[in-house]
Every structure is written in C-alpha cells, then in structure tokens.
Amino acid sequence: MTQKARTARRHDVRQPAVLTMTDESRHEVHTLDLSHGGISLQTGSQMRLAQYCAVSFKVQLGEVDHNVLAMGQVIYSDPDAELGFKTGVQFLRIDDDSRAIFHQLLQENQ
C-alpha cells in the first residue's frame, strides 16, 4: 500500500500488542503507527491479506493504563529489512471506549 492511498494522518504509537486472527492464532506484535482508520504493525511473519483480526494493546494516558481493542482486516503485509514484516490493519469496528482512547491519544500526538 502506498502512502498516497492513505486518507487519514498517522501518528507514531510504539506499544507491544496482540494480533488475534479468526483461526484463533495469536501473534505478539508491536504497533508502529495509528490513525482513526487503521494501524501499522511490526509482525514476525507475513499475514495473509484480507484476513479478519483483532488488535489489542495498552496505552497510558496520564497516570492510567487503558486497554484498547479494534476489529479489522489485513490490507498489506510487506517484508521489511529492519522490522521483519510491516502489516497494515484497516479498522472495521472499534468499541466506544477504545474509540475515545484513540481520539485522545491522537489529539495528544498532534
């Protein structure tokens, strides 16, 4: 996926995360950047395109840790010399609490 294809501004967010696929396989990953529409992840293996998945991770806002969860679909998973694979997940559904945390996190990073 090219940068030109993205419509939402991305912000660096570096956190450990868990990517859970529909076959219930779990992958320990790291977040790279985040927008209201999706997230880029560092993964140890290539993910199959169009797979549905859940992404969960913790962020700290102020003194409080928050769990965030989003459902999405893999839209790219490209080899990267430094990262292993860079995998993009387009959000399809985000619960209201996580949406509020994303909004607050993205506002802080502007």
Protein backbone atom coordinates (compact mmCIF):
# COMPACT_ATOMS: atom_id res chain seq x y z
CA MET A 1 0.00 0.00 0.00
CA THR A 2 1.40 3.38 -0.88
CA GLN A 3 1.38 6.44 1.33
CA LYS A 4 -0.77 8.15 -1.33
CA ALA A 5 -3.57 5.63 -0.79
CA ARG A 6 -3.92 6.61 2.87
CA THR A 7 -6.52 9.21 3.71
CA ALA A 8 -6.01 9.55 7.47
CA ARG A 9 -3.00 11.16 9.10
CA ARG A 10 -0.90 8.65 11.06
CA HIS A 11 0.81 9.12 14.40
CA ASP A 12 3.69 7.12 15.87
CA VAL A 13 2.47 4.82 18.62
CA ARG A 14 5.00 2.21 19.75
CA GLN A 15 3.49 -0.43 22.04
CA PRO A 16 3.55 -4.21 22.38
CA ALA A 17 0.28 -5.62 21.03
CA VAL A 18 -1.51 -8.87 20.30
CA LEU A 19 -2.93 -9.67 16.88
CA THR A 20 -5.58 -12.42 17.06
CA MET A 21 -6.70 -13.96 13.79
CA THR A 22 -10.08 -15.56 13.07
CA ASP A 23 -8.47 -19.01 13.31
CA GLU A 24 -7.67 -18.02 16.93
CA SER A 25 -3.91 -17.89 16.32
CA ARG A 26 -2.27 -15.17 18.39
CA HIS A 27 0.76 -13.14 17.34
CA GLU A 28 2.88 -10.97 19.63
CA VAL A 29 3.48 -7.81 17.58
CA HIS A 30 4.40 -4.14 18.05
CA THR A 31 2.42 -1.13 16.94
CA LEU A 32 4.19 1.33 14.64
CA ASP A 33 1.63 3.99 13.84
CA LEU A 34 -2.06 4.62 14.27
CA SER A 35 -4.85 6.61 12.70
CA HIS A 36 -8.61 6.65 13.22
CA GLY A 37 -8.86 4.27 10.25
CA GLY A 38 -6.17 1.72 10.96
CA ILE A 39 -2.89 0.65 12.46
CA SER A 40 0.52 -0.42 11.18
CA LEU A 41 2.21 -3.29 12.98
CA GLN A 42 5.61 -4.96 13.12
CA THR A 43 4.98 -8.69 12.75
CA GLY A 44 7.37 -11.62 12.81
CA SER A 45 5.69 -13.37 9.90
CA GLN A 46 3.69 -12.38 6.86
CA MET A 47 -0.05 -12.17 7.44
CA ARG A 48 -2.50 -13.32 4.77
CA LEU A 49 -4.25 -10.43 3.03
CA ALA A 50 -7.96 -9.86 3.69
CA GLN A 51 -7.89 -11.87 6.96
CA TYR A 52 -10.12 -10.57 9.71
CA CYS A 53 -8.42 -10.00 13.04
CA ALA A 54 -8.49 -8.25 16.40
CA VAL A 55 -5.73 -5.92 17.58
CA SER A 56 -5.36 -5.27 21.30
CA PHE A 57 -2.81 -3.22 23.21
CA LYS A 58 -2.42 -0.95 26.23
CA VAL A 59 -1.74 2.77 26.18
CA GLN A 60 -1.03 5.10 29.05
CA LEU A 61 -2.91 8.38 29.16
CA GLY A 62 -1.88 10.43 32.14
CA GLU A 63 -1.48 8.06 35.07
CA VAL A 64 -3.95 5.46 33.78
CA ASP A 65 -3.36 2.40 31.56
CA HIS A 66 -6.14 1.72 29.07
CA ASN A 67 -6.82 -1.46 27.11
CA VAL A 68 -7.83 -0.85 23.52
CA LEU A 69 -9.39 -3.33 21.13
CA ALA A 70 -10.26 -2.98 17.46
CA MET A 71 -11.54 -5.43 14.88
CA GLY A 72 -10.07 -5.12 11.42
CA GLN A 73 -8.82 -6.65 8.22
CA VAL A 74 -5.25 -7.11 6.99
CA ILE A 75 -4.73 -4.85 3.97
CA TYR A 76 -0.98 -5.29 3.49
CA SER A 77 1.86 -7.35 4.92
CA ASP A 78 5.17 -6.47 3.32
CA PRO A 79 8.71 -7.69 4.04
CA ASP A 80 10.87 -5.06 5.75
CA ALA A 81 14.64 -5.42 6.18
CA GLU A 82 14.59 -3.91 9.68
CA LEU A 83 11.18 -4.93 11.00
CA GLY A 84 10.57 -8.41 9.64
CA PHE A 85 7.15 -7.59 8.19
CA LYS A 86 5.17 -4.37 8.22
CA THR A 87 1.49 -5.24 8.38
CA GLY A 88 -1.43 -2.87 7.99
CA VAL A 89 -4.83 -3.45 9.53
CA GLN A 90 -7.82 -1.37 8.46
CA PHE A 91 -10.28 -0.92 11.31
CA LEU A 92 -13.78 -2.26 10.73
CA ARG A 93 -15.16 -1.93 14.25
CA ILE A 94 -13.93 -0.22 17.40
CA ASP A 95 -15.80 -0.25 20.69
CA ASP A 96 -16.80 3.18 22.05
CA ASP A 97 -14.24 3.15 24.90
CA SER A 98 -11.38 2.32 22.55
CA ARG A 99 -12.57 4.94 20.04
CA ALA A 100 -12.46 7.60 22.79
CA ILE A 101 -8.95 6.49 23.80
CA PHE A 102 -7.78 6.59 20.15
CA HIS A 103 -9.20 10.08 19.80
CA GLN A 104 -7.48 11.28 22.97
CA LEU A 105 -4.20 9.58 22.02
CA LEU A 106 -4.22 11.04 18.51
CA GLN A 107 -5.01 14.51 19.87
CA GLU A 108 -2.03 14.29 22.27
CA ASN A 109 0.32 13.31 19.42
CA GLN A 110 -0.51 16.29 17.20
